[in-house]
PDB file of N, CA and C in Angstrom:
ATOM      1  N   UNK A   1       7.168  -5.989   8.653  1.00  0.00           N
ATOM      2  CA  UNK A   1       7.047  -5.133   7.496  1.00  0.00           C
ATOM      3  C   UNK A   1       6.564  -5.968   6.306  1.00  0.00           C
ATOM      4  N   UNK A   2       5.646  -5.400   5.568  1.00  0.00           N
ATOM      5  CA  UNK A   2       5.100  -6.108   4.405  1.00  0.00           C
ATOM      6  C   UNK A   2       6.040  -5.997   3.215  1.00  0.00           C
ATOM      7  N   UNK A   3       6.052  -7.049   2.411  1.00  0.00           N
ATOM      8  CA  UNK A   3       6.805  -6.988   1.167  1.00  0.00           C
ATOM      9  C   UNK A   3       6.111  -6.004   0.238  1.00  0.00           C
ATOM     10  N   UNK A   4       6.886  -5.442  -0.665  1.00  0.00           N
ATOM     11  CA  UNK A   4       6.373  -4.411  -1.570  1.00  0.00           C
ATOM     12  C   UNK A   4       5.175  -4.923  -2.389  1.00  0.00           C
ATOM     13  N   UNK A   5       5.237  -6.167  -2.848  1.00  0.00           N
ATOM     14  CA  UNK A   5       4.151  -6.725  -3.650  1.00  0.00           C
ATOM     15  C   UNK A   5       2.862  -6.837  -2.843  1.00  0.00           C
ATOM     16  N   UNK A   6       2.974  -7.303  -1.605  1.00  0.00           N
ATOM     17  CA  UNK A   6       1.800  -7.450  -0.748  1.00  0.00           C
ATOM     18  C   UNK A   6       1.205  -6.080  -0.435  1.00  0.00           C
ATOM     19  N   UNK A   7       2.072  -5.115  -0.130  1.00  0.00           N
ATOM     20  CA  UNK A   7       1.604  -3.763   0.186  1.00  0.00           C
ATOM     21  C   UNK A   7       0.899  -3.150  -1.025  1.00  0.00           C
ATOM     22  N   UNK A   8       1.452  -3.341  -2.203  1.00  0.00           N
ATOM     23  CA  UNK A   8       0.833  -2.819  -3.426  1.00  0.00           C
ATOM     24  C   UNK A   8      -0.537  -3.446  -3.657  1.00  0.00           C
ATOM     25  N   UNK A   9      -0.638  -4.730  -3.374  1.00  0.00           N
ATOM     26  CA  UNK A   9      -1.912  -5.439  -3.547  1.00  0.00           C
ATOM     27  C   UNK A   9      -2.967  -4.886  -2.587  1.00  0.00           C
ATOM     28  N   UNK A  10      -2.571  -4.631  -1.333  1.00  0.00           N
ATOM     29  CA  UNK A  10      -3.490  -4.071  -0.341  1.00  0.00           C
ATOM     30  C   UNK A  10      -3.925  -2.668  -0.763  1.00  0.00           C
ATOM     31  N   UNK A  11      -2.979  -1.855  -1.203  1.00  0.00           N
ATOM     32  CA  UNK A  11      -3.299  -0.493  -1.655  1.00  0.00           C
ATOM     33  C   UNK A  11      -4.268  -0.541  -2.824  1.00  0.00           C
ATOM     34  N   UNK A  12      -4.003  -1.418  -3.777  1.00  0.00           N
ATOM     35  CA  UNK A  12      -4.873  -1.535  -4.955  1.00  0.00           C
ATOM     36  C   UNK A  12      -6.295  -1.935  -4.564  1.00  0.00           C
ATOM     37  N   UNK A  13      -6.410  -2.787  -3.580  1.00  0.00           N
ATOM     38  CA  UNK A  13      -7.726  -3.276  -3.170  1.00  0.00           C
ATOM     39  C   UNK A  13      -8.533  -2.214  -2.420  1.00  0.00           C
ATOM     40  N   UNK A  14      -7.879  -1.375  -1.627  1.00  0.00           N
ATOM     41  CA  UNK A  14      -8.601  -0.465  -0.750  1.00  0.00           C
ATOM     42  C   UNK A  14      -8.523   1.012  -1.142  1.00  0.00           C
ATOM     43  N   UNK A  15      -7.831   1.343  -2.216  1.00  0.00           N
ATOM     44  CA  UNK A  15      -7.702   2.755  -2.579  1.00  0.00           C
ATOM     45  C   UNK A  15      -9.036   3.347  -3.003  1.00  0.00           C
ATOM     46  N   UNK A  16      -9.155   4.646  -2.756  1.00  0.00           N
ATOM     47  CA  UNK A  16     -10.388   5.363  -3.055  1.00  0.00           C
ATOM     48  C   UNK A  16     -10.366   5.885  -4.495  1.00  0.00           C
ATOM     49  N   UNK A  17      -9.179   6.290  -4.956  1.00  0.00           N
ATOM     50  CA  UNK A  17      -9.015   6.762  -6.332  1.00  0.00           C
ATOM     51  C   UNK A  17      -7.683   6.248  -6.876  1.00  0.00           C
ATOM     52  N   UNK A  18      -7.396   6.492  -8.113  1.00  0.00           N
ATOM     53  CA  UNK A  18      -6.254   5.911  -8.808  1.00  0.00           C
ATOM     54  C   UNK A  18      -4.889   6.083  -8.186  1.00  0.00           C
ATOM     55  N   UNK A  19      -4.613   7.232  -7.581  1.00  0.00           N
ATOM     56  CA  UNK A  19      -3.281   7.480  -7.025  1.00  0.00           C
ATOM     57  C   UNK A  19      -3.290   7.492  -5.502  1.00  0.00           C
ATOM     58  N   UNK A  20      -4.306   6.925  -4.925  1.00  0.00           N
ATOM     59  CA  UNK A  20      -4.483   6.940  -3.472  1.00  0.00           C
ATOM     60  C   UNK A  20      -3.503   6.003  -2.769  1.00  0.00           C
ATOM     61  N   UNK A  21      -2.745   6.540  -1.816  1.00  0.00           N
ATOM     62  CA  UNK A  21      -1.886   5.716  -0.969  1.00  0.00           C
ATOM     63  C   UNK A  21      -1.976   6.132   0.494  1.00  0.00           C
ATOM     64  N   UNK A  22      -2.665   7.234   0.773  1.00  0.00           N
ATOM     65  CA  UNK A  22      -2.664   7.745   2.130  1.00  0.00           C
ATOM     66  C   UNK A  22      -4.015   7.934   2.782  1.00  0.00           C
ATOM     67  N   UNK A  23      -5.078   7.497   2.135  1.00  0.00           N
ATOM     68  CA  UNK A  23      -6.398   7.659   2.735  1.00  0.00           C
ATOM     69  C   UNK A  23      -6.510   6.771   3.977  1.00  0.00           C
ATOM     70  N   UNK A  24      -7.410   7.107   4.881  1.00  0.00           N
ATOM     71  CA  UNK A  24      -7.577   6.291   6.086  1.00  0.00           C
ATOM     72  C   UNK A  24      -7.893   4.828   5.780  1.00  0.00           C
ATOM     73  N   UNK A  25      -8.657   4.589   4.728  1.00  0.00           N
ATOM     74  CA  UNK A  25      -9.008   3.215   4.361  1.00  0.00           C
ATOM     75  C   UNK A  25      -7.762   2.409   3.998  1.00  0.00           C
ATOM     76  N   UNK A  26      -6.886   3.017   3.210  1.00  0.00           N
ATOM     77  CA  UNK A  26      -5.657   2.344   2.786  1.00  0.00           C
ATOM     78  C   UNK A  26      -4.721   2.147   3.976  1.00  0.00           C
ATOM     79  N   UNK A  27      -4.556   3.170   4.784  1.00  0.00           N
ATOM     80  CA  UNK A  27      -3.665   3.071   5.939  1.00  0.00           C
ATOM     81  C   UNK A  27      -4.150   2.001   6.924  1.00  0.00           C
ATOM     82  N   UNK A  28      -5.449   1.941   7.145  1.00  0.00           N
ATOM     83  CA  UNK A  28      -6.010   0.927   8.040  1.00  0.00           C
ATOM     84  C   UNK A  28      -5.804  -0.476   7.462  1.00  0.00           C
ATOM     85  N   UNK A  29      -5.961  -0.621   6.168  1.00  0.00           N
ATOM     86  CA  UNK A  29      -5.777  -1.924   5.523  1.00  0.00           C
ATOM     87  C   UNK A  29      -4.322  -2.374   5.607  1.00  0.00           C
ATOM     88  N   UNK A  30      -3.382  -1.453   5.411  1.00  0.00           N
ATOM     89  CA  UNK A  30      -1.962  -1.790   5.511  1.00  0.00           C
ATOM     90  C   UNK A  30      -1.618  -2.195   6.943  1.00  0.00           C
ATOM     91  N   UNK A  31      -2.095  -1.433   7.906  1.00  0.00           N
ATOM     92  CA  UNK A  31      -1.845  -1.745   9.313  1.00  0.00           C
ATOM     93  C   UNK A  31      -2.441  -3.097   9.696  1.00  0.00           C
ATOM     94  N   UNK A  32      -3.641  -3.377   9.224  1.00  0.00           N
ATOM     95  CA  UNK A  32      -4.286  -4.657   9.503  1.00  0.00           C
ATOM     96  C   UNK A  32      -3.468  -5.814   8.925  1.00  0.00           C
ATOM     97  N   UNK A  33      -2.970  -5.656   7.709  1.00  0.00           N
ATOM     98  CA  UNK A  33      -2.161  -6.701   7.080  1.00  0.00           C
ATOM     99  C   UNK A  33      -0.867  -6.919   7.864  1.00  0.00           C
ATOM    100  N   UNK A  34      -0.259  -5.844   8.353  1.00  0.00           N
ATOM    101  CA  UNK A  34       0.961  -5.973   9.147  1.00  0.00           C
ATOM    102  C   UNK A  34       0.685  -6.686  10.469  1.00  0.00           C
ATOM    103  N   UNK A  35      -0.425  -6.369  11.106  1.00  0.00           N
ATOM    104  CA  UNK A  35      -0.798  -7.018  12.367  1.00  0.00           C
ATOM    105  C   UNK A  35      -1.046  -8.504  12.149  1.00  0.00           C
ATOM    106  N   UNK A  36      -1.739  -8.850  11.067  1.00  0.00           N
ATOM    107  CA  UNK A  36      -1.995 -10.262  10.769  1.00  0.00           C
ATOM    108  C   UNK A  36      -0.694 -11.024  10.563  1.00  0.00           C
ATOM    109  N   UNK A  37       0.249 -10.418   9.842  1.00  0.00           N
ATOM    110  CA  UNK A  37       1.541 -11.062   9.592  1.00  0.00           C
ATOM    111  C   UNK A  37       2.301 -11.253  10.903  1.00  0.00           C
ATOM    112  N   UNK A  38       2.318 -10.242  11.749  1.00  0.00           N
ATOM    113  CA  UNK A  38       3.009 -10.329  13.030  1.00  0.00           C
ATOM    114  C   UNK A  38       2.363 -11.364  13.941  1.00  0.00           C
ATOM    115  N   UNK A  39       1.043 -11.413  13.959  1.00  0.00           N
ATOM    116  CA  UNK A  39       0.323 -12.390  14.777  1.00  0.00           C
ATOM    117  C   UNK A  39       0.679 -13.811  14.348  1.00  0.00           C
ATOM    118  N   UNK A  40       0.712 -14.054  13.056  1.00  0.00           N
ATOM    119  CA  UNK A  40       1.076 -15.375  12.548  1.00  0.00           C
ATOM    120  C   UNK A  40       2.498 -15.733  12.958  1.00  0.00           C
ATOM    121  N   UNK A  41       3.413 -14.790  12.823  1.00  0.00           N
ATOM    122  CA  UNK A  41       4.812 -15.018  13.196  1.00  0.00           C
ATOM    123  C   UNK A  41       4.936 -15.348  14.686  1.00  0.00           C
ATOM    124  N   UNK A  42       4.277 -14.570  15.517  1.00  0.00           N
ATOM    125  CA  UNK A  42       4.368 -14.792  16.962  1.00  0.00           C
ATOM    126  C   UNK A  42       3.711 -16.100  17.384  1.00  0.00           C
ATOM    127  N   UNK A  43       2.642 -16.477  16.717  1.00  0.00           N
ATOM    128  CA  UNK A  43       1.985 -17.744  17.012  1.00  0.00           C
ATOM    129  C   UNK A  43       2.937 -18.906  16.761  1.00  0.00           C
ATOM    130  N   UNK A  44       3.620 -18.869  15.620  1.00  0.00           N
ATOM    131  CA  UNK A  44       4.574 -19.929  15.297  1.00  0.00           C
ATOM    132  C   UNK A  44       5.768 -19.889  16.244  1.00  0.00           C
ATOM    133  N   UNK A  45       6.261 -18.698  16.576  1.00  0.00           N
ATOM    134  CA  UNK A  45       7.402 -18.576  17.469  1.00  0.00           C
ATOM    135  C   UNK A  45       7.076 -19.147  18.849  1.00  0.00           C
ATOM    136  N   UNK A  46       5.901 -18.866  19.360  1.00  0.00           N
ATOM    137  CA  UNK A  46       5.472 -19.381  20.675  1.00  0.00           C
ATOM    138  C   UNK A  46       5.293 -20.890  20.631  1.00  0.00           C
ATOM    139  N   UNK A  47       4.737 -21.390  19.552  1.00  0.00           N
ATOM    140  CA  UNK A  47       4.511 -22.817  19.408  1.00  0.00           C
ATOM    141  C   UNK A  47       5.832 -23.596  19.463  1.00  0.00           C
ATOM    142  N   UNK A  48       6.808 -23.110  18.718  1.00  0.00           N
ATOM    143  CA  UNK A  48       8.082 -23.825  18.661  1.00  0.00           C
ATOM    144  C   UNK A  48       8.951 -23.593  19.893  1.00  0.00           C
ATOM    145  N   UNK A  49       8.794 -22.468  20.568  1.00  0.00           N
ATOM    146  CA  UNK A  49       9.605 -22.210  21.757  1.00  0.00           C
ATOM    147  C   UNK A  49       9.137 -23.042  22.949  1.00  0.00           C
ATOM    148  N   UNK A  50       7.895 -23.521  22.898  1.00  0.00           N
ATOM    149  CA  UNK A  50       7.386 -24.348  23.993  1.00  0.00           C
ATOM    150  C   UNK A  50       7.572 -25.837  23.716  1.00  0.00           C
ATOM    151  N   UNK A  51       8.243 -26.157  22.657  1.00  0.00           N
ATOM    152  CA  UNK A  51       8.491 -27.566  22.338  1.00  0.00           C
ATOM    153  C   UNK A  51       7.428 -28.192  21.472  1.00  0.00           C
ATOM    154  N   UNK A  52       6.494 -27.351  20.985  1.00  0.00           N
ATOM    155  CA  UNK A  52       5.426 -27.657  20.098  1.00  0.00           C
ATOM    156  C   UNK A  52       4.991 -28.998  19.903  1.00  0.00           C
TER     157      UNK A  52
END
């Protein structure tokens, strides 16, 4: 889950209009940011679990 500040930053960057939070562009950007965060976490977890 993204922190509120990071999510707000993503929404601000990809919104279509001033109060936009649900457009496909914003939703895709939020999902992409969550996937990137999870990928980074899992990469580190795998690295350290194998004795890195």
